[in-house]
Amino acid sequence: MNELKVLIEYIVKALVDNPEKVEVKEIAGEKSIIYELKVGECDLGKVIGKEGRTAKAIRTIITAAAMKQGKRTVLEIIE
């Protein structure tokens, strides 16, 4: 399931000004996986987007990718 972590990192690093501060932590459960995303303070707005649209789009992509593997995912953006 590590490929989803790589996918999240790839998408987020393309959006932010400081890609070296992007950190994705994977917490696996039985049927779901939680991804905790940390970015630099100045990049938080870019990842969330207007009215949360960018964050919602990222969540949609990883949800679709995880469904192929029969898993559920949760993306938490940590400040």
PDB file of N, CA and C in Angstrom:
ATOM      1  N   MET A   1       0.832  -1.203   0.000  1.00  0.00           N
ATOM      2  CA  MET A   1       0.000   0.000   0.000  1.00  0.00           C
ATOM      3  C   MET A   1       0.867   1.254   0.000  1.00  0.00           C
ATOM      4  N   ASN A   2       2.158   1.051  -0.006  1.00  0.00           N
ATOM      5  CA  ASN A   2       3.109   2.168   0.034  1.00  0.00           C
ATOM      6  C   ASN A   2       3.019   3.062  -1.192  1.00  0.00           C
ATOM      7  N   GLU A   3       2.480   2.544  -2.309  1.00  0.00           N
ATOM      8  CA  GLU A   3       2.387   3.347  -3.526  1.00  0.00           C
ATOM      9  C   GLU A   3       1.440   4.536  -3.357  1.00  0.00           C
ATOM     10  N   LEU A   4       0.450   4.423  -2.472  1.00  0.00           N
ATOM     11  CA  LEU A   4      -0.429   5.565  -2.208  1.00  0.00           C
ATOM     12  C   LEU A   4       0.331   6.678  -1.497  1.00  0.00           C
ATOM     13  N   LYS A   5       1.212   6.298  -0.597  1.00  0.00           N
ATOM     14  CA  LYS A   5       2.054   7.288   0.103  1.00  0.00           C
ATOM     15  C   LYS A   5       2.918   8.034  -0.908  1.00  0.00           C
ATOM     16  N   VAL A   6       3.489   7.303  -1.855  1.00  0.00           N
ATOM     17  CA  VAL A   6       4.315   7.901  -2.905  1.00  0.00           C
ATOM     18  C   VAL A   6       3.469   8.824  -3.779  1.00  0.00           C
ATOM     19  N   LEU A   7       2.249   8.399  -4.093  1.00  0.00           N
ATOM     20  CA  LEU A   7       1.340   9.203  -4.902  1.00  0.00           C
ATOM     21  C   LEU A   7       1.007  10.528  -4.208  1.00  0.00           C
ATOM     22  N   ILE A   8       0.702  10.468  -2.914  1.00  0.00           N
ATOM     23  CA  ILE A   8       0.391  11.681  -2.153  1.00  0.00           C
ATOM     24  C   ILE A   8       1.596  12.624  -2.154  1.00  0.00           C
ATOM     25  N   GLU A   9       2.784  12.078  -1.868  1.00  0.00           N
ATOM     26  CA  GLU A   9       4.002  12.900  -1.860  1.00  0.00           C
ATOM     27  C   GLU A   9       4.222  13.553  -3.217  1.00  0.00           C
ATOM     28  N   TYR A  10       4.041  12.802  -4.281  1.00  0.00           N
ATOM     29  CA  TYR A  10       4.258  13.315  -5.634  1.00  0.00           C
ATOM     30  C   TYR A  10       3.325  14.488  -5.941  1.00  0.00           C
ATOM     31  N   ILE A  11       2.035  14.316  -5.632  1.00  0.00           N
ATOM     32  CA  ILE A  11       1.043  15.362  -5.907  1.00  0.00           C
ATOM     33  C   ILE A  11       1.337  16.609  -5.084  1.00  0.00           C
ATOM     34  N   VAL A  12       1.565  16.426  -3.787  1.00  0.00           N
ATOM     35  CA  VAL A  12       1.750  17.572  -2.887  1.00  0.00           C
ATOM     36  C   VAL A  12       3.051  18.314  -3.194  1.00  0.00           C
ATOM     37  N   LYS A  13       4.128  17.572  -3.479  1.00  0.00           N
ATOM     38  CA  LYS A  13       5.410  18.226  -3.782  1.00  0.00           C
ATOM     39  C   LYS A  13       5.313  19.090  -5.039  1.00  0.00           C
ATOM     40  N   ALA A  14       4.434  18.716  -5.958  1.00  0.00           N
ATOM     41  CA  ALA A  14       4.245  19.518  -7.172  1.00  0.00           C
ATOM     42  C   ALA A  14       3.489  20.812  -6.883  1.00  0.00           C
ATOM     43  N   LEU A  15       2.746  20.852  -5.787  1.00  0.00           N
ATOM     44  CA  LEU A  15       1.928  22.021  -5.455  1.00  0.00           C
ATOM     45  C   LEU A  15       2.651  23.066  -4.613  1.00  0.00           C
ATOM     46  N   VAL A  16       3.575  22.638  -3.771  1.00  0.00           N
ATOM     47  CA  VAL A  16       4.154  23.527  -2.755  1.00  0.00           C
ATOM     48  C   VAL A  16       5.450  24.191  -3.204  1.00  0.00           C
ATOM     49  N   ASP A  17       5.832  25.260  -2.470  1.00  0.00           N
ATOM     50  CA  ASP A  17       7.099  25.949  -2.731  1.00  0.00           C
ATOM     51  C   ASP A  17       8.278  25.255  -2.061  1.00  0.00           C
ATOM     52  N   ASN A  18       8.026  24.577  -0.949  1.00  0.00           N
ATOM     53  CA  ASN A  18       9.089  23.892  -0.194  1.00  0.00           C
ATOM     54  C   ASN A  18       8.846  22.379  -0.165  1.00  0.00           C
ATOM     55  N   PRO A  19       9.149  21.681  -1.265  1.00  0.00           N
ATOM     56  CA  PRO A  19       8.868  20.238  -1.311  1.00  0.00           C
ATOM     57  C   PRO A  19       9.658  19.429  -0.285  1.00  0.00           C
ATOM     58  N   GLU A  20      10.774  19.963   0.195  1.00  0.00           N
ATOM     59  CA  GLU A  20      11.572  19.226   1.181  1.00  0.00           C
ATOM     60  C   GLU A  20      10.881  19.148   2.547  1.00  0.00           C
ATOM     61  N   LYS A  21       9.874  19.989   2.773  1.00  0.00           N
ATOM     62  CA  LYS A  21       9.148  19.978   4.051  1.00  0.00           C
ATOM     63  C   LYS A  21       7.913  19.076   4.020  1.00  0.00           C
ATOM     64  N   VAL A  22       7.648  18.452   2.887  1.00  0.00           N
ATOM     65  CA  VAL A  22       6.489  17.563   2.773  1.00  0.00           C
ATOM     66  C   VAL A  22       6.801  16.245   3.480  1.00  0.00           C
ATOM     67  N   GLU A  23       5.886  15.855   4.354  1.00  0.00           N
ATOM     68  CA  GLU A  23       6.071  14.635   5.134  1.00  0.00           C
ATOM     69  C   GLU A  23       4.746  13.879   5.173  1.00  0.00           C
ATOM     70  N   VAL A  24       4.773  12.613   4.780  1.00  0.00           N
ATOM     71  CA  VAL A  24       3.562  11.793   4.787  1.00  0.00           C
ATOM     72  C   VAL A  24       3.806  10.601   5.708  1.00  0.00           C
ATOM     73  N   LYS A  25       2.919  10.451   6.688  1.00  0.00           N
ATOM     74  CA  LYS A  25       3.021   9.341   7.635  1.00  0.00           C
ATOM     75  C   LYS A  25       1.842   8.409   7.399  1.00  0.00           C
ATOM     76  N   GLU A  26       2.120   7.120   7.330  1.00  0.00           N
ATOM     77  CA  GLU A  26       1.100   6.114   7.035  1.00  0.00           C
ATOM     78  C   GLU A  26       0.765   5.331   8.302  1.00  0.00           C
ATOM     79  N   ILE A  27      -0.526   5.295   8.649  1.00  0.00           N
ATOM     80  CA  ILE A  27      -0.987   4.534   9.811  1.00  0.00           C
ATOM     81  C   ILE A  27      -1.992   3.515   9.292  1.00  0.00           C
ATOM     82  N   ALA A  28      -1.598   2.249   9.298  1.00  0.00           N
ATOM     83  CA  ALA A  28      -2.432   1.200   8.700  1.00  0.00           C
ATOM     84  C   ALA A  28      -3.320   0.538   9.739  1.00  0.00           C
ATOM     85  N   GLY A  29      -4.585   0.370   9.358  1.00  0.00           N
ATOM     86  CA  GLY A  29      -5.530  -0.396  10.159  1.00  0.00           C
ATOM     87  C   GLY A  29      -5.903  -1.638   9.387  1.00  0.00           C
ATOM     88  N   GLU A  30      -6.958  -2.339   9.837  1.00  0.00           N
ATOM     89  CA  GLU A  30      -7.360  -3.561   9.145  1.00  0.00           C
ATOM     90  C   GLU A  30      -7.949  -3.288   7.767  1.00  0.00           C
ATOM     91  N   LYS A  31      -8.922  -2.350   7.721  1.00  0.00           N
ATOM     92  CA  LYS A  31      -9.581  -2.076   6.450  1.00  0.00           C
ATOM     93  C   LYS A  31      -9.361  -0.659   5.949  1.00  0.00           C
ATOM     94  N   SER A  32      -8.719   0.157   6.746  1.00  0.00           N
ATOM     95  CA  SER A  32      -8.484   1.532   6.307  1.00  0.00           C
ATOM     96  C   SER A  32      -7.066   1.966   6.638  1.00  0.00           C
ATOM     97  N   ILE A  33      -6.628   2.974   5.935  1.00  0.00           N
ATOM     98  CA  ILE A  33      -5.287   3.523   6.135  1.00  0.00           C
ATOM     99  C   ILE A  33      -5.424   5.028   6.296  1.00  0.00           C
ATOM    100  N   ILE A  34      -4.773   5.549   7.321  1.00  0.00           N
ATOM    101  CA  ILE A  34      -4.779   6.993   7.555  1.00  0.00           C
ATOM    102  C   ILE A  34      -3.436   7.539   7.105  1.00  0.00           C
ATOM    103  N   TYR A  35      -3.493   8.603   6.321  1.00  0.00           N
ATOM    104  CA  TYR A  35      -2.279   9.295   5.903  1.00  0.00           C
ATOM    105  C   TYR A  35      -2.270  10.670   6.552  1.00  0.00           C
ATOM    106  N   GLU A  36      -1.211  10.953   7.297  1.00  0.00           N
ATOM    107  CA  GLU A  36      -1.055  12.266   7.911  1.00  0.00           C
ATOM    108  C   GLU A  36      -0.076  13.058   7.064  1.00  0.00           C
ATOM    109  N   LEU A  37      -0.523  14.199   6.577  1.00  0.00           N
ATOM    110  CA  LEU A  37       0.280  15.035   5.694  1.00  0.00           C
ATOM    111  C   LEU A  37       0.708  16.298   6.419  1.00  0.00           C
ATOM    112  N   LYS A  38       2.020  16.526   6.438  1.00  0.00           N
ATOM    113  CA  LYS A  38       2.556  17.763   7.012  1.00  0.00           C
ATOM    114  C   LYS A  38       3.314  18.504   5.921  1.00  0.00           C
ATOM    115  N   VAL A  39       3.073  19.812   5.831  1.00  0.00           N
ATOM    116  CA  VAL A  39       3.800  20.656   4.875  1.00  0.00           C
ATOM    117  C   VAL A  39       4.307  21.881   5.619  1.00  0.00           C
ATOM    118  N   GLY A  40       5.150  22.656   4.971  1.00  0.00           N
ATOM    119  CA  GLY A  40       5.628  23.896   5.562  1.00  0.00           C
ATOM    120  C   GLY A  40       4.460  24.841   5.824  1.00  0.00           C
ATOM    121  N   GLU A  41       4.593  25.668   6.851  1.00  0.00           N
ATOM    122  CA  GLU A  41       3.509  26.556   7.267  1.00  0.00           C
ATOM    123  C   GLU A  41       3.008  27.444   6.125  1.00  0.00           C
ATOM    124  N   CYS A  42       3.935  27.951   5.314  1.00  0.00           N
ATOM    125  CA  CYS A  42       3.542  28.852   4.224  1.00  0.00           C
ATOM    126  C   CYS A  42       2.869  28.105   3.062  1.00  0.00           C
ATOM    127  N   ASP A  43       3.002  26.782   3.022  1.00  0.00           N
ATOM    128  CA  ASP A  43       2.423  25.984   1.932  1.00  0.00           C
ATOM    129  C   ASP A  43       1.065  25.382   2.274  1.00  0.00           C
ATOM    130  N   LEU A  44       0.622  25.557   3.496  1.00  0.00           N
ATOM    131  CA  LEU A  44      -0.628  24.948   3.942  1.00  0.00           C
ATOM    132  C   LEU A  44      -1.815  25.383   3.078  1.00  0.00           C
ATOM    133  N   GLY A  45      -1.885  26.654   2.759  1.00  0.00           N
ATOM    134  CA  GLY A  45      -2.971  27.182   1.939  1.00  0.00           C
ATOM    135  C   GLY A  45      -2.992  26.603   0.542  1.00  0.00           C
ATOM    136  N   LYS A  46      -1.822  26.326  -0.015  1.00  0.00           N
ATOM    137  CA  LYS A  46      -1.741  25.761  -1.367  1.00  0.00           C
ATOM    138  C   LYS A  46      -2.270  24.332  -1.392  1.00  0.00           C
ATOM    139  N   VAL A  47      -2.029  23.591  -0.323  1.00  0.00           N
ATOM    140  CA  VAL A  47      -2.474  22.197  -0.264  1.00  0.00           C
ATOM    141  C   VAL A  47      -3.984  22.132  -0.007  1.00  0.00           C
ATOM    142  N   ILE A  48      -4.491  23.034   0.808  1.00  0.00           N
ATOM    143  CA  ILE A  48      -5.924  23.036   1.108  1.00  0.00           C
ATOM    144  C   ILE A  48      -6.712  23.645  -0.047  1.00  0.00           C
ATOM    145  N   GLY A  49      -6.245  24.766  -0.579  1.00  0.00           N
ATOM    146  CA  GLY A  49      -6.906  25.405  -1.716  1.00  0.00           C
ATOM    147  C   GLY A  49      -8.118  26.210  -1.297  1.00  0.00           C
ATOM    148  N   LYS A  50      -8.695  26.912  -2.262  1.00  0.00           N
ATOM    149  CA  LYS A  50      -9.887  27.724  -2.001  1.00  0.00           C
ATOM    150  C   LYS A  50     -11.042  26.820  -1.611  1.00  0.00           C
ATOM    151  N   GLU A  51     -11.626  27.114  -0.455  1.00  0.00           N
ATOM    152  CA  GLU A  51     -12.751  26.350   0.078  1.00  0.00           C
ATOM    153  C   GLU A  51     -12.442  24.853   0.173  1.00  0.00           C
ATOM    154  N   GLY A  52     -11.160  24.501   0.300  1.00  0.00           N
ATOM    155  CA  GLY A  52     -10.763  23.110   0.464  1.00  0.00           C
ATOM    156  C   GLY A  52     -10.816  22.277  -0.801  1.00  0.00           C
ATOM    157  N   ARG A  53     -10.900  22.939  -1.954  1.00  0.00           N
ATOM    158  CA  ARG A  53     -11.049  22.198  -3.222  1.00  0.00           C
ATOM    159  C   ARG A  53      -9.830  21.340  -3.554  1.00  0.00           C
ATOM    160  N   THR A  54      -8.624  21.862  -3.336  1.00  0.00           N
ATOM    161  CA  THR A  54      -7.416  21.098  -3.662  1.00  0.00           C
ATOM    162  C   THR A  54      -7.312  19.870  -2.768  1.00  0.00           C
ATOM    163  N   ALA A  55      -7.553  20.044  -1.466  1.00  0.00           N
ATOM    164  CA  ALA A  55      -7.511  18.919  -0.535  1.00  0.00           C
ATOM    165  C   ALA A  55      -8.555  17.870  -0.905  1.00  0.00           C
ATOM    166  N   LYS A  56      -9.734  18.323  -1.298  1.00  0.00           N
ATOM    167  CA  LYS A  56     -10.804  17.401  -1.693  1.00  0.00           C
ATOM    168  C   LYS A  56     -10.400  16.615  -2.942  1.00  0.00           C
ATOM    169  N   ALA A  57      -9.750  17.279  -3.886  1.00  0.00           N
ATOM    170  CA  ALA A  57      -9.299  16.611  -5.114  1.00  0.00           C
ATOM    171  C   ALA A  57      -8.246  15.548  -4.804  1.00  0.00           C
ATOM    172  N   ILE A  58      -7.308  15.871  -3.921  1.00  0.00           N
ATOM    173  CA  ILE A  58      -6.278  14.898  -3.532  1.00  0.00           C
ATOM    174  C   ILE A  58      -6.938  13.695  -2.866  1.00  0.00           C
ATOM    175  N   ARG A  59      -7.896  13.958  -1.977  1.00  0.00           N
ATOM    176  CA  ARG A  59      -8.596  12.865  -1.290  1.00  0.00           C
ATOM    177  C   ARG A  59      -9.354  11.979  -2.286  1.00  0.00           C
ATOM    178  N   THR A  60      -9.961  12.601  -3.295  1.00  0.00           N
ATOM    179  CA  THR A  60     -10.697  11.844  -4.311  1.00  0.00           C
ATOM    180  C   THR A  60      -9.763  10.911  -5.075  1.00  0.00           C
ATOM    181  N   ILE A  61      -8.598  11.412  -5.435  1.00  0.00           N
ATOM    182  CA  ILE A  61      -7.622  10.601  -6.180  1.00  0.00           C
ATOM    183  C   ILE A  61      -7.155   9.405  -5.362  1.00  0.00           C
ATOM    184  N   ILE A  62      -6.779   9.638  -4.094  1.00  0.00           N
ATOM    185  CA  ILE A  62      -6.270   8.507  -3.304  1.00  0.00           C
ATOM    186  C   ILE A  62      -7.386   7.528  -2.927  1.00  0.00           C
ATOM    187  N   THR A  63      -8.613   8.031  -2.782  1.00  0.00           N
ATOM    188  CA  THR A  63      -9.750   7.139  -2.503  1.00  0.00           C
ATOM    189  C   THR A  63      -9.983   6.214  -3.693  1.00  0.00           C
ATOM    190  N   ALA A  64      -9.940   6.778  -4.892  1.00  0.00           N
ATOM    191  CA  ALA A  64     -10.137   5.967  -6.102  1.00  0.00           C
ATOM    192  C   ALA A  64      -9.027   4.928  -6.253  1.00  0.00           C
ATOM    193  N   ALA A  65      -7.792   5.332  -5.982  1.00  0.00           N
ATOM    194  CA  ALA A  65      -6.663   4.396  -6.094  1.00  0.00           C
ATOM    195  C   ALA A  65      -6.764   3.288  -5.046  1.00  0.00           C
ATOM    196  N   ALA A  66      -7.211   3.623  -3.853  1.00  0.00           N
ATOM    197  CA  ALA A  66      -7.315   2.637  -2.775  1.00  0.00           C
ATOM    198  C   ALA A  66      -8.464   1.658  -3.002  1.00  0.00           C
ATOM    199  N   MET A  67      -9.530   2.125  -3.642  1.00  0.00           N
ATOM    200  CA  MET A  67     -10.686   1.253  -3.895  1.00  0.00           C
ATOM    201  C   MET A  67     -10.307   0.059  -4.767  1.00  0.00           C
ATOM    202  N   LYS A  68      -9.364   0.259  -5.668  1.00  0.00           N
ATOM    203  CA  LYS A  68      -8.907  -0.839  -6.521  1.00  0.00           C
ATOM    204  C   LYS A  68      -8.297  -1.956  -5.687  1.00  0.00           C
ATOM    205  N   GLN A  69      -7.781  -1.582  -4.503  1.00  0.00           N
ATOM    206  CA  GLN A  69      -7.137  -2.564  -3.625  1.00  0.00           C
ATOM    207  C   GLN A  69      -8.056  -2.972  -2.470  1.00  0.00           C
ATOM    208  N   GLY A  70      -9.295  -2.499  -2.508  1.00  0.00           N
ATOM    209  CA  GLY A  70     -10.261  -2.876  -1.486  1.00  0.00           C
ATOM    210  C   GLY A  70     -10.019  -2.246  -0.127  1.00  0.00           C
ATOM    211  N   LYS A  71      -9.395  -1.099  -0.104  1.00  0.00           N
ATOM    212  CA  LYS A  71      -9.094  -0.411   1.161  1.00  0.00           C
ATOM    213  C   LYS A  71      -9.809   0.930   1.203  1.00  0.00           C
ATOM    214  N   ARG A  72      -9.920   1.497   2.403  1.00  0.00           N
ATOM    215  CA  ARG A  72     -10.434   2.857   2.587  1.00  0.00           C
ATOM    216  C   ARG A  72      -9.282   3.714   3.063  1.00  0.00           C
ATOM    217  N   THR A  73      -9.262   4.956   2.628  1.00  0.00           N
ATOM    218  CA  THR A  73      -8.189   5.863   3.049  1.00  0.00           C
ATOM    219  C   THR A  73      -8.767   7.132   3.646  1.00  0.00           C
ATOM    220  N   VAL A  74      -7.973   7.709   4.533  1.00  0.00           N
ATOM    221  CA  VAL A  74      -8.293   8.995   5.138  1.00  0.00           C
ATOM    222  C   VAL A  74      -7.041   9.851   5.024  1.00  0.00           C
ATOM    223  N   LEU A  75      -7.193  11.048   4.505  1.00  0.00           N
ATOM    224  CA  LEU A  75      -6.059  11.981   4.427  1.00  0.00           C
ATOM    225  C   LEU A  75      -6.291  13.103   5.423  1.00  0.00           C
ATOM    226  N   GLU A  76      -5.396  13.191   6.397  1.00  0.00           N
ATOM    227  CA  GLU A  76      -5.464  14.269   7.383  1.00  0.00           C
ATOM    228  C   GLU A  76      -4.331  15.240   7.109  1.00  0.00           C
ATOM    229  N   ILE A  77      -4.680  16.504   6.980  1.00  0.00           N
ATOM    230  CA  ILE A  77      -3.667  17.534   6.779  1.00  0.00           C
ATOM    231  C   ILE A  77      -3.382  18.169   8.134  1.00  0.00           C
ATOM    232  N   ILE A  78      -2.157  17.976   8.606  1.00  0.00           N
ATOM    233  CA  ILE A  78      -1.775  18.414   9.950  1.00  0.00           C
ATOM    234  C   ILE A  78      -1.083  19.770   9.864  1.00  0.00           C
ATOM    235  N   GLU A  79      -1.490  20.666  10.741  1.00  0.00           N
ATOM    236  CA  GLU A  79      -0.881  22.010  10.754  1.00  0.00           C
ATOM    237  C   GLU A  79       0.383  21.992  11.578  1.00  0.00           C
TER     238      GLU A  79
END
